[in-house]
Amino acid sequence: MQSLVATHGLYTAVFYIALIVWGINQLYANRYYYAAPGLEGRNRRSYWFSAVMITAGIIGAILCMRYVPATTFPSVQPVIFWIGIALMAMGLLLRWYVIRVLARYFAPDKSVRPDREVIENGPFRQIRHPGYTGVLITVLGFGLATTNWLGLLVVLVFSLVGYAYRVRVEEQVLCEALGDTYREYMRRTRRFIPYLW
């Protein structure tokens, strides 16, 4: 059985429009950061590693959707597809909310401003990396929208590997910059999911 995205024009259009919106969103988020002065990069490799891993996962998921029809969800494809698109939108909205909360402290390359402080308002009350939670929700939504369980698995695994490294680098940089204040914050919060993980 083929994926809806591979066989029905409406689903194909919505899927690729959502993917393009996600890409534009990411480019605009980077532009938002690069417009902010006074930052010194600490480790851009983690940014590029996570970006490459997510991109590889997206390409892998699309290839699975197109060329491995045996792993297409056998039923309720329209429901799974629209849940996926809704999750993509929710993830993007969460990411933008986080960028607004961080304001001038937002930095894709893990730069730390000299006046940086630990942000604990908004979504940062419970989790340390809500922006990455937003991206992972978007990734989950994208994987579901392929309506292919192997594609979903591929994009999730690649993205989690990318963010596992990125978060380790980020937390090391923040611990060095903010010291015990950030370490105490780490003890009180979870990385991505409140009370769980």
N, C-alpha and C. Protein backbone atom coordinates (compact mmCIF):
# COMPACT_ATOMS: atom_id res chain seq x y z
N MET A 1 0.84 -1.19 0.00
CA MET A 1 0.00 0.00 0.00
C MET A 1 0.89 1.25 0.00
N GLN A 2 0.61 2.17 -0.90
CA GLN A 2 1.37 3.40 -1.00
C GLN A 2 0.88 4.43 0.03
N SER A 3 1.77 5.31 0.42
CA SER A 3 1.41 6.42 1.29
C SER A 3 0.47 7.37 0.57
N LEU A 4 -0.41 8.02 1.33
CA LEU A 4 -1.29 9.03 0.75
C LEU A 4 -0.48 10.14 0.09
N VAL A 5 0.64 10.49 0.69
CA VAL A 5 1.47 11.58 0.15
C VAL A 5 2.01 11.22 -1.22
N ALA A 6 2.25 9.94 -1.45
CA ALA A 6 2.80 9.49 -2.74
C ALA A 6 1.73 9.30 -3.80
N THR A 7 0.45 9.28 -3.39
CA THR A 7 -0.59 8.90 -4.36
C THR A 7 -1.72 9.92 -4.51
N HIS A 8 -1.90 10.83 -3.57
CA HIS A 8 -3.03 11.77 -3.62
C HIS A 8 -2.52 13.21 -3.63
N GLY A 9 -2.95 13.96 -4.65
CA GLY A 9 -2.45 15.31 -4.86
C GLY A 9 -2.60 16.24 -3.67
N LEU A 10 -3.77 16.23 -2.99
CA LEU A 10 -4.00 17.12 -1.86
C LEU A 10 -3.00 16.84 -0.75
N TYR A 11 -2.83 15.57 -0.42
CA TYR A 11 -1.91 15.19 0.66
C TYR A 11 -0.46 15.52 0.27
N THR A 12 -0.13 15.30 -0.99
CA THR A 12 1.22 15.63 -1.46
C THR A 12 1.48 17.12 -1.30
N ALA A 13 0.53 17.94 -1.72
CA ALA A 13 0.70 19.39 -1.64
C ALA A 13 0.82 19.85 -0.19
N VAL A 14 -0.06 19.39 0.67
CA VAL A 14 -0.03 19.81 2.08
C VAL A 14 1.28 19.36 2.73
N PHE A 15 1.70 18.14 2.45
CA PHE A 15 2.93 17.60 3.03
C PHE A 15 4.14 18.45 2.66
N TYR A 16 4.30 18.73 1.37
CA TYR A 16 5.49 19.47 0.95
C TYR A 16 5.41 20.96 1.31
N ILE A 17 4.21 21.51 1.36
CA ILE A 17 4.07 22.89 1.85
C ILE A 17 4.47 22.95 3.33
N ALA A 18 4.04 21.97 4.13
CA ALA A 18 4.42 21.94 5.54
C ALA A 18 5.94 21.81 5.69
N LEU A 19 6.55 20.99 4.85
CA LEU A 19 8.00 20.82 4.89
C LEU A 19 8.72 22.13 4.53
N ILE A 20 8.22 22.82 3.52
CA ILE A 20 8.82 24.10 3.11
C ILE A 20 8.65 25.15 4.21
N VAL A 21 7.47 25.20 4.81
CA VAL A 21 7.24 26.14 5.93
C VAL A 21 8.21 25.86 7.07
N TRP A 22 8.43 24.60 7.37
CA TRP A 22 9.39 24.22 8.42
C TRP A 22 10.79 24.72 8.06
N GLY A 23 11.21 24.50 6.81
CA GLY A 23 12.53 24.96 6.39
C GLY A 23 12.67 26.47 6.45
N ILE A 24 11.65 27.20 5.98
CA ILE A 24 11.68 28.66 6.03
C ILE A 24 11.71 29.13 7.49
N ASN A 25 10.95 28.46 8.32
CA ASN A 25 10.94 28.78 9.75
C ASN A 25 12.33 28.67 10.34
N GLN A 26 13.04 27.61 10.01
CA GLN A 26 14.38 27.41 10.54
C GLN A 26 15.34 28.48 10.02
N LEU A 27 15.26 28.80 8.74
CA LEU A 27 16.12 29.84 8.17
C LEU A 27 15.83 31.19 8.82
N TYR A 28 14.56 31.48 9.04
CA TYR A 28 14.21 32.76 9.65
C TYR A 28 14.66 32.82 11.10
N ALA A 29 14.57 31.71 11.81
CA ALA A 29 15.04 31.67 13.20
C ALA A 29 16.52 31.97 13.25
N ASN A 30 17.30 31.43 12.32
CA ASN A 30 18.73 31.72 12.29
C ASN A 30 18.98 33.19 11.97
N ARG A 31 18.19 33.75 11.06
CA ARG A 31 18.34 35.17 10.73
C ARG A 31 18.03 36.03 11.95
N TYR A 32 17.02 35.64 12.71
CA TYR A 32 16.64 36.33 13.94
C TYR A 32 17.83 36.38 14.89
N TYR A 33 18.52 35.27 15.00
CA TYR A 33 19.70 35.22 15.87
C TYR A 33 20.84 36.06 15.33
N TYR A 34 21.16 35.88 14.05
CA TYR A 34 22.34 36.55 13.52
C TYR A 34 22.18 38.06 13.50
N ALA A 35 20.95 38.55 13.65
CA ALA A 35 20.75 40.00 13.74
C ALA A 35 21.11 40.53 15.12
N ALA A 36 21.28 39.62 16.10
CA ALA A 36 21.57 40.05 17.47
C ALA A 36 23.07 40.23 17.66
N PRO A 37 23.50 41.42 18.08
CA PRO A 37 24.93 41.69 18.24
C PRO A 37 25.47 41.18 19.56
N GLY A 38 26.79 41.15 19.67
CA GLY A 38 27.45 40.90 20.96
C GLY A 38 27.57 39.45 21.34
N LEU A 39 27.55 38.54 20.38
CA LEU A 39 27.64 37.13 20.70
C LEU A 39 28.93 36.54 20.18
N GLU A 40 29.49 35.63 20.94
CA GLU A 40 30.67 34.91 20.49
C GLU A 40 30.34 33.43 20.43
N GLY A 41 30.58 32.81 19.27
CA GLY A 41 30.27 31.40 19.11
C GLY A 41 31.17 30.51 19.94
N ARG A 42 30.61 29.45 20.52
CA ARG A 42 31.39 28.52 21.32
C ARG A 42 31.59 27.19 20.62
N ASN A 43 30.57 26.71 19.92
CA ASN A 43 30.71 25.44 19.24
C ASN A 43 29.64 25.28 18.18
N ARG A 44 29.91 25.76 16.99
CA ARG A 44 28.94 25.64 15.91
C ARG A 44 28.85 24.22 15.38
N ARG A 45 29.82 23.38 15.65
CA ARG A 45 29.76 22.01 15.11
C ARG A 45 28.53 21.27 15.58
N SER A 46 28.11 21.50 16.81
CA SER A 46 26.92 20.79 17.30
C SER A 46 25.68 21.24 16.54
N TYR A 47 25.63 22.52 16.18
CA TYR A 47 24.51 23.03 15.38
C TYR A 47 24.47 22.32 14.03
N TRP A 48 25.61 22.28 13.35
CA TRP A 48 25.64 21.66 12.03
C TRP A 48 25.43 20.16 12.11
N PHE A 49 25.94 19.52 13.16
CA PHE A 49 25.73 18.09 13.31
C PHE A 49 24.24 17.79 13.45
N SER A 50 23.55 18.53 14.32
CA SER A 50 22.12 18.28 14.49
C SER A 50 21.34 18.61 13.22
N ALA A 51 21.74 19.69 12.52
CA ALA A 51 21.06 20.05 11.27
C ALA A 51 21.24 18.97 10.21
N VAL A 52 22.45 18.43 10.10
CA VAL A 52 22.72 17.37 9.13
C VAL A 52 21.94 16.10 9.49
N MET A 53 21.89 15.77 10.78
CA MET A 53 21.17 14.56 11.20
C MET A 53 19.67 14.69 10.92
N ILE A 54 19.10 15.84 11.22
CA ILE A 54 17.67 16.02 10.96
C ILE A 54 17.40 15.98 9.45
N THR A 55 18.24 16.64 8.68
CA THR A 55 18.07 16.62 7.22
C THR A 55 18.18 15.20 6.67
N ALA A 56 19.16 14.44 7.16
CA ALA A 56 19.30 13.04 6.74
C ALA A 56 18.06 12.23 7.12
N GLY A 57 17.53 12.49 8.31
CA GLY A 57 16.31 11.80 8.73
C GLY A 57 15.12 12.13 7.86
N ILE A 58 15.00 13.40 7.49
CA ILE A 58 13.90 13.83 6.61
C ILE A 58 14.02 13.14 5.25
N ILE A 59 15.22 13.17 4.68
CA ILE A 59 15.43 12.52 3.38
C ILE A 59 15.16 11.02 3.48
N GLY A 60 15.66 10.40 4.56
CA GLY A 60 15.42 8.97 4.77
C GLY A 60 13.94 8.65 4.88
N ALA A 61 13.19 9.50 5.60
CA ALA A 61 11.76 9.27 5.77
C ALA A 61 11.03 9.39 4.44
N ILE A 62 11.41 10.38 3.64
CA ILE A 62 10.77 10.55 2.32
C ILE A 62 11.09 9.36 1.43
N LEU A 63 12.33 8.87 1.48
CA LEU A 63 12.69 7.70 0.68
C LEU A 63 11.91 6.47 1.12
N CYS A 64 11.75 6.30 2.44
CA CYS A 64 10.95 5.17 2.94
C CYS A 64 9.51 5.28 2.45
N MET A 65 8.96 6.49 2.53
CA MET A 65 7.59 6.73 2.11
C MET A 65 7.40 6.39 0.62
N ARG A 66 8.38 6.75 -0.19
CA ARG A 66 8.28 6.55 -1.64
C ARG A 66 8.60 5.13 -2.07
N TYR A 67 9.63 4.52 -1.44
CA TYR A 67 10.19 3.28 -1.98
C TYR A 67 10.02 2.06 -1.09
N VAL A 68 9.44 2.24 0.10
CA VAL A 68 9.20 1.07 0.96
C VAL A 68 7.72 1.07 1.35
N PRO A 69 6.85 0.84 0.38
CA PRO A 69 5.40 0.90 0.66
C PRO A 69 4.93 -0.17 1.64
N ALA A 70 5.72 -1.22 1.82
CA ALA A 70 5.31 -2.28 2.75
C ALA A 70 5.23 -1.78 4.19
N THR A 71 5.90 -0.65 4.49
CA THR A 71 5.88 -0.14 5.86
C THR A 71 4.89 1.02 6.03
N THR A 72 4.02 1.21 5.05
CA THR A 72 2.97 2.23 5.16
C THR A 72 1.94 1.75 6.18
N PHE A 73 1.45 2.69 7.01
CA PHE A 73 0.38 2.34 7.95
C PHE A 73 -0.79 1.77 7.16
N PRO A 74 -1.31 0.60 7.54
CA PRO A 74 -2.31 -0.06 6.71
C PRO A 74 -3.70 0.55 6.77
N SER A 75 -4.00 1.31 7.82
CA SER A 75 -5.35 1.87 7.92
C SER A 75 -5.28 3.28 8.53
N VAL A 76 -6.39 3.94 8.49
CA VAL A 76 -6.58 5.30 9.01
C VAL A 76 -5.47 6.26 8.60
N GLN A 77 -4.96 6.11 7.39
CA GLN A 77 -3.90 7.01 6.92
C GLN A 77 -4.29 8.48 6.99
N PRO A 78 -5.51 8.86 6.56
CA PRO A 78 -5.85 10.29 6.64
C PRO A 78 -5.78 10.84 8.07
N VAL A 79 -6.22 10.06 9.03
CA VAL A 79 -6.18 10.51 10.43
C VAL A 79 -4.73 10.69 10.88
N ILE A 80 -3.89 9.71 10.59
CA ILE A 80 -2.47 9.79 10.97
C ILE A 80 -1.81 10.99 10.28
N PHE A 81 -2.12 11.19 9.01
CA PHE A 81 -1.54 12.31 8.26
C PHE A 81 -1.89 13.64 8.92
N TRP A 82 -3.18 13.87 9.20
CA TRP A 82 -3.59 15.17 9.74
C TRP A 82 -3.12 15.37 11.17
N ILE A 83 -3.01 14.30 11.94
CA ILE A 83 -2.39 14.42 13.27
C ILE A 83 -0.94 14.86 13.11
N GLY A 84 -0.25 14.28 12.14
CA GLY A 84 1.13 14.67 11.88
C GLY A 84 1.27 16.13 11.51
N ILE A 85 0.42 16.61 10.62
CA ILE A 85 0.47 18.02 10.20
C ILE A 85 0.17 18.94 11.40
N ALA A 86 -0.81 18.55 12.22
CA ALA A 86 -1.13 19.35 13.42
C ALA A 86 0.06 19.40 14.38
N LEU A 87 0.74 18.26 14.57
CA LEU A 87 1.91 18.24 15.45
C LEU A 87 3.04 19.10 14.89
N MET A 88 3.23 19.09 13.57
CA MET A 88 4.24 19.96 12.97
C MET A 88 3.95 21.42 13.30
N ALA A 89 2.69 21.82 13.15
CA ALA A 89 2.32 23.20 13.46
C ALA A 89 2.53 23.52 14.94
N MET A 90 2.15 22.60 15.81
CA MET A 90 2.34 22.81 17.26
C MET A 90 3.81 22.94 17.61
N GLY A 91 4.64 22.09 17.01
CA GLY A 91 6.08 22.14 17.28
C GLY A 91 6.69 23.46 16.84
N LEU A 92 6.29 23.94 15.66
CA LEU A 92 6.81 25.22 15.17
C LEU A 92 6.36 26.37 16.05
N LEU A 93 5.11 26.34 16.49
CA LEU A 93 4.62 27.40 17.37
C LEU A 93 5.36 27.39 18.71
N LEU A 94 5.60 26.20 19.26
CA LEU A 94 6.35 26.11 20.52
C LEU A 94 7.75 26.66 20.34
N ARG A 95 8.40 26.32 19.25
CA ARG A 95 9.76 26.82 19.01
C ARG A 95 9.79 28.34 18.94
N TRP A 96 8.81 28.95 18.25
CA TRP A 96 8.78 30.40 18.17
C TRP A 96 8.47 31.05 19.51
N TYR A 97 7.64 30.40 20.29
CA TYR A 97 7.36 30.91 21.63
C TYR A 97 8.64 30.92 22.46
N VAL A 98 9.42 29.84 22.36
CA VAL A 98 10.68 29.74 23.10
C VAL A 98 11.66 30.81 22.65
N ILE A 99 11.75 31.04 21.34
CA ILE A 99 12.65 32.08 20.83
C ILE A 99 12.25 33.44 21.38
N ARG A 100 10.94 33.69 21.47
CA ARG A 100 10.47 34.96 22.03
C ARG A 100 10.82 35.07 23.51
N VAL A 101 10.69 33.98 24.25
CA VAL A 101 11.03 34.00 25.68
C VAL A 101 12.53 34.25 25.86
N LEU A 102 13.35 33.57 25.05
CA LEU A 102 14.80 33.76 25.16
C LEU A 102 15.25 35.14 24.70
N ALA A 103 14.53 35.70 23.73
CA ALA A 103 14.82 37.02 23.17
C ALA A 103 16.29 37.13 22.78
N ARG A 104 17.01 38.05 23.39
CA ARG A 104 18.39 38.31 22.95
C ARG A 104 19.35 37.19 23.29
N TYR A 105 18.93 36.24 24.13
CA TYR A 105 19.82 35.14 24.50
C TYR A 105 19.76 33.97 23.52
N PHE A 106 18.83 34.01 22.56
CA PHE A 106 18.70 32.91 21.61
C PHE A 106 19.93 32.86 20.70
N ALA A 107 20.57 31.68 20.59
CA ALA A 107 21.77 31.55 19.78
C ALA A 107 21.92 30.12 19.28
N PRO A 108 21.70 29.86 17.98
CA PRO A 108 21.84 28.50 17.46
C PRO A 108 23.23 27.90 17.63
N ASP A 109 24.27 28.74 17.70
CA ASP A 109 25.62 28.18 17.80
C ASP A 109 26.11 28.06 19.24
N LYS A 110 25.20 28.18 20.19
CA LYS A 110 25.52 28.04 21.61
C LYS A 110 26.42 29.16 22.12
N SER A 111 26.24 30.33 21.52
CA SER A 111 26.93 31.50 22.03
C SER A 111 26.36 31.86 23.39
N VAL A 112 27.19 32.45 24.22
CA VAL A 112 26.72 32.90 25.53
C VAL A 112 27.10 34.36 25.68
N ARG A 113 26.10 35.20 25.82
CA ARG A 113 26.36 36.62 26.02
C ARG A 113 27.00 36.83 27.39
N PRO A 114 27.81 37.86 27.52
CA PRO A 114 28.44 38.14 28.82
C PRO A 114 27.41 38.39 29.92
N ASP A 115 26.24 38.92 29.55
CA ASP A 115 25.20 39.23 30.55
C ASP A 115 24.17 38.11 30.67
N ARG A 116 24.48 36.93 30.18
CA ARG A 116 23.53 35.82 30.16
C ARG A 116 23.11 35.44 31.57
N GLU A 117 21.85 35.10 31.72
CA GLU A 117 21.33 34.60 32.99
C GLU A 117 20.49 33.36 32.72
N VAL A 118 20.20 32.60 33.74
CA VAL A 118 19.37 31.41 33.59
C VAL A 118 17.93 31.86 33.41
N ILE A 119 17.32 31.44 32.32
CA ILE A 119 15.92 31.78 32.04
C ILE A 119 15.06 30.68 32.66
N GLU A 120 14.11 31.09 33.51
CA GLU A 120 13.26 30.11 34.18
C GLU A 120 11.78 30.44 34.04
N ASN A 121 11.44 31.33 33.13
CA ASN A 121 10.03 31.63 32.95
C ASN A 121 9.48 30.91 31.72
N GLY A 122 8.18 30.97 31.56
CA GLY A 122 7.54 30.30 30.43
C GLY A 122 7.82 28.81 30.45
N PRO A 123 8.12 28.23 29.29
CA PRO A 123 8.33 26.78 29.24
C PRO A 123 9.60 26.33 29.94
N PHE A 124 10.49 27.27 30.27
CA PHE A 124 11.74 26.92 30.94
C PHE A 124 11.55 26.59 32.42
N ARG A 125 10.35 26.77 32.94
CA ARG A 125 10.10 26.40 34.34
C ARG A 125 10.27 24.90 34.57
N GLN A 126 9.86 24.11 33.58
CA GLN A 126 9.85 22.66 33.74
C GLN A 126 10.93 21.94 32.93
N ILE A 127 11.29 22.50 31.77
CA ILE A 127 12.25 21.81 30.91
C ILE A 127 13.35 22.78 30.45
N ARG A 128 14.54 22.25 30.28
CA ARG A 128 15.70 23.07 29.92
C ARG A 128 15.78 23.40 28.45
N HIS A 129 15.21 22.57 27.60
CA HIS A 129 15.36 22.76 26.16
C HIS A 129 14.00 22.69 25.44
N PRO A 130 13.09 23.60 25.79
CA PRO A 130 11.77 23.53 25.15
C PRO A 130 11.81 23.82 23.66
N GLY A 131 12.81 24.57 23.19
CA GLY A 131 12.94 24.80 21.75
C GLY A 131 13.21 23.50 21.02
N TYR A 132 14.05 22.66 21.62
CA TYR A 132 14.33 21.36 21.01
C TYR A 132 13.12 20.45 21.13
N THR A 133 12.37 20.60 22.21
CA THR A 133 11.11 19.86 22.32
C THR A 133 10.20 20.23 21.16
N GLY A 134 10.14 21.53 20.84
CA GLY A 134 9.34 21.98 19.70
C GLY A 134 9.81 21.35 18.40
N VAL A 135 11.13 21.30 18.19
CA VAL A 135 11.66 20.68 16.97
C VAL A 135 11.31 19.20 16.94
N LEU A 136 11.46 18.52 18.08
CA LEU A 136 11.18 17.08 18.11
C LEU A 136 9.69 16.79 17.90
N ILE A 137 8.81 17.68 18.38
CA ILE A 137 7.38 17.53 18.09
C ILE A 137 7.14 17.70 16.59
N THR A 138 7.84 18.66 15.99
CA THR A 138 7.73 18.86 14.54
C THR A 138 8.22 17.63 13.79
N VAL A 139 9.34 17.08 14.24
CA VAL A 139 9.89 15.86 13.63
C VAL A 139 8.91 14.70 13.76
N LEU A 140 8.32 14.53 14.94
CA LEU A 140 7.33 13.48 15.14
C LEU A 140 6.15 13.67 14.19
N GLY A 141 5.68 14.91 14.08
CA GLY A 141 4.58 15.21 13.17
C GLY A 141 4.93 14.91 11.73
N PHE A 142 6.13 15.30 11.33
CA PHE A 142 6.58 15.02 9.97
C PHE A 142 6.60 13.51 9.72
N GLY A 143 7.16 12.76 10.65
CA GLY A 143 7.22 11.31 10.50
C GLY A 143 5.84 10.69 10.37
N LEU A 144 4.90 11.16 11.19
CA LEU A 144 3.53 10.65 11.09
C LEU A 144 2.90 11.03 9.75
N ALA A 145 3.18 12.25 9.29
CA ALA A 145 2.59 12.71 8.02
C ALA A 145 3.05 11.88 6.83
N THR A 146 4.20 11.21 6.94
CA THR A 146 4.61 10.31 5.85
C THR A 146 3.69 9.10 5.77
N THR A 147 2.95 8.84 6.84
CA THR A 147 2.09 7.65 7.00
C THR A 147 2.86 6.36 6.75
N ASN A 148 4.13 6.40 7.11
CA ASN A 148 5.01 5.24 6.92
C ASN A 148 5.78 5.03 8.22
N TRP A 149 5.56 3.89 8.88
CA TRP A 149 6.16 3.73 10.21
C TRP A 149 7.68 3.65 10.14
N LEU A 150 8.25 3.13 9.06
CA LEU A 150 9.70 3.09 8.94
C LEU A 150 10.26 4.52 8.75
N GLY A 151 9.56 5.32 7.96
CA GLY A 151 9.96 6.72 7.80
C GLY A 151 9.91 7.47 9.11
N LEU A 152 8.85 7.21 9.90
CA LEU A 152 8.74 7.82 11.23
C LEU A 152 9.91 7.41 12.10
N LEU A 153 10.25 6.14 12.11
CA LEU A 153 11.35 5.65 12.92
C LEU A 153 12.69 6.26 12.47
N VAL A 154 12.92 6.33 11.18
CA VAL A 154 14.17 6.88 10.66
C VAL A 154 14.35 8.33 11.07
N VAL A 155 13.33 9.16 10.86
CA VAL A 155 13.48 10.59 11.17
C VAL A 155 13.62 10.81 12.68
N LEU A 156 12.94 10.01 13.49
CA LEU A 156 13.07 10.16 14.95
C LEU A 156 14.46 9.76 15.43
N VAL A 157 14.96 8.63 14.95
CA VAL A 157 16.28 8.16 15.39
C VAL A 157 17.37 9.17 15.00
N PHE A 158 17.36 9.60 13.75
CA PHE A 158 18.38 10.56 13.30
C PHE A 158 18.30 11.85 14.11
N SER A 159 17.09 12.34 14.35
CA SER A 159 16.93 13.59 15.09
C SER A 159 17.36 13.46 16.54
N LEU A 160 17.02 12.35 17.16
CA LEU A 160 17.42 12.14 18.56
C LEU A 160 18.93 12.03 18.70
N VAL A 161 19.57 11.37 17.75
CA VAL A 161 21.04 11.29 17.79
C VAL A 161 21.64 12.70 17.65
N GLY A 162 21.10 13.48 16.72
CA GLY A 162 21.59 14.85 16.52
C GLY A 162 21.44 15.70 17.76
N TYR A 163 20.28 15.61 18.40
CA TYR A 163 20.05 16.45 19.58
C TYR A 163 20.71 15.92 20.83
N ALA A 164 20.98 14.63 20.91
CA ALA A 164 21.71 14.10 22.06
C ALA A 164 23.09 14.76 22.14
N TYR A 165 23.76 14.87 21.02
CA TYR A 165 25.08 15.53 20.98
C TYR A 165 24.94 17.03 21.22
N ARG A 166 23.98 17.65 20.57
CA ARG A 166 23.81 19.10 20.68
C ARG A 166 23.52 19.53 22.11
N VAL A 167 22.65 18.82 22.78
CA VAL A 167 22.28 19.17 24.15
C VAL A 167 23.48 18.99 25.09
N ARG A 168 24.26 17.94 24.87
CA ARG A 168 25.45 17.74 25.70
C ARG A 168 26.40 18.93 25.58
N VAL A 169 26.62 19.39 24.35
CA VAL A 169 27.49 20.55 24.12
C VAL A 169 26.90 21.80 24.77
N GLU A 170 25.62 22.01 24.56
CA GLU A 170 24.97 23.21 25.10
C GLU A 170 25.05 23.24 26.62
N GLU A 171 24.76 22.12 27.26
CA GLU A 171 24.77 22.12 28.71
C GLU A 171 26.18 22.31 29.26
N GLN A 172 27.17 21.79 28.57
CA GLN A 172 28.56 22.01 28.99
C GLN A 172 28.92 23.49 28.90
N VAL A 173 28.55 24.13 27.78
CA VAL A 173 28.83 25.56 27.59
C VAL A 173 28.12 26.38 28.66
N LEU A 174 26.85 26.07 28.93
CA LEU A 174 26.10 26.83 29.91
C LEU A 174 26.61 26.61 31.33
N CYS A 175 27.05 25.40 31.64
CA CYS A 175 27.64 25.14 32.96
C CYS A 175 28.93 25.94 33.14
N GLU A 176 29.74 25.99 32.09
CA GLU A 176 30.98 26.77 32.17
C GLU A 176 30.69 28.25 32.34
N ALA A 177 29.68 28.73 31.62
CA ALA A 177 29.39 30.17 31.63
C ALA A 177 28.62 30.61 32.87
N LEU A 178 27.69 29.78 33.33
CA LEU A 178 26.79 30.19 34.41
C LEU A 178 27.05 29.48 35.73
N GLY A 179 27.91 28.47 35.72
CA GLY A 179 28.35 27.82 36.95
C GLY A 179 27.26 27.12 37.72
N ASP A 180 27.31 27.27 39.05
CA ASP A 180 26.41 26.55 39.95
C ASP A 180 24.95 26.92 39.74
N THR A 181 24.70 28.14 39.29
CA THR A 181 23.31 28.56 39.05
C THR A 181 22.66 27.66 38.02
N TYR A 182 23.40 27.36 36.94
CA TYR A 182 22.83 26.50 35.89
C TYR A 182 22.80 25.04 36.36
N ARG A 183 23.81 24.61 37.11
CA ARG A 183 23.81 23.23 37.60
C ARG A 183 22.61 22.98 38.53
N GLU A 184 22.28 23.95 39.36
CA GLU A 184 21.11 23.83 40.22
C GLU A 184 19.83 23.78 39.39
N TYR A 185 19.77 24.60 38.36
CA TYR A 185 18.63 24.59 37.45
C TYR A 185 18.50 23.22 36.78
N MET A 186 19.62 22.61 36.39
CA MET A 186 19.61 21.27 35.79
C MET A 186 19.04 20.24 36.75
N ARG A 187 19.36 20.38 38.03
CA ARG A 187 18.85 19.41 39.02
C ARG A 187 17.34 19.50 39.18
N ARG A 188 16.78 20.67 38.93
CA ARG A 188 15.35 20.89 39.16
C ARG A 188 14.48 20.64 37.93
N THR A 189 15.09 20.44 36.77
CA THR A 189 14.32 20.36 35.53
C THR A 189 14.68 19.12 34.72
N ARG A 190 13.87 18.84 33.73
CA ARG A 190 14.14 17.77 32.78
C ARG A 190 14.57 18.41 31.46
N ARG A 191 15.13 17.60 30.56
CA ARG A 191 15.63 18.16 29.31
C ARG A 191 14.50 18.51 28.33
N PHE A 192 13.59 17.57 28.07
CA PHE A 192 12.62 17.76 26.99
C PHE A 192 11.16 17.63 27.41
N ILE A 193 10.88 16.71 28.36
CA ILE A 193 9.49 16.43 28.75
C ILE A 193 9.36 16.63 30.25
N PRO A 194 8.46 17.51 30.70
CA PRO A 194 8.32 17.76 32.13
C PRO A 194 8.15 16.47 32.94
N TYR A 195 8.90 16.37 34.03
CA TYR A 195 8.85 15.26 35.00
C TYR A 195 9.33 13.92 34.46
N LEU A 196 9.62 13.81 33.17
CA LEU A 196 9.95 12.51 32.60
C LEU A 196 11.37 12.44 32.05
N TRP A 197 11.72 13.35 31.12
CA TRP A 197 12.97 13.18 30.39
C TRP A 197 13.57 14.52 29.99
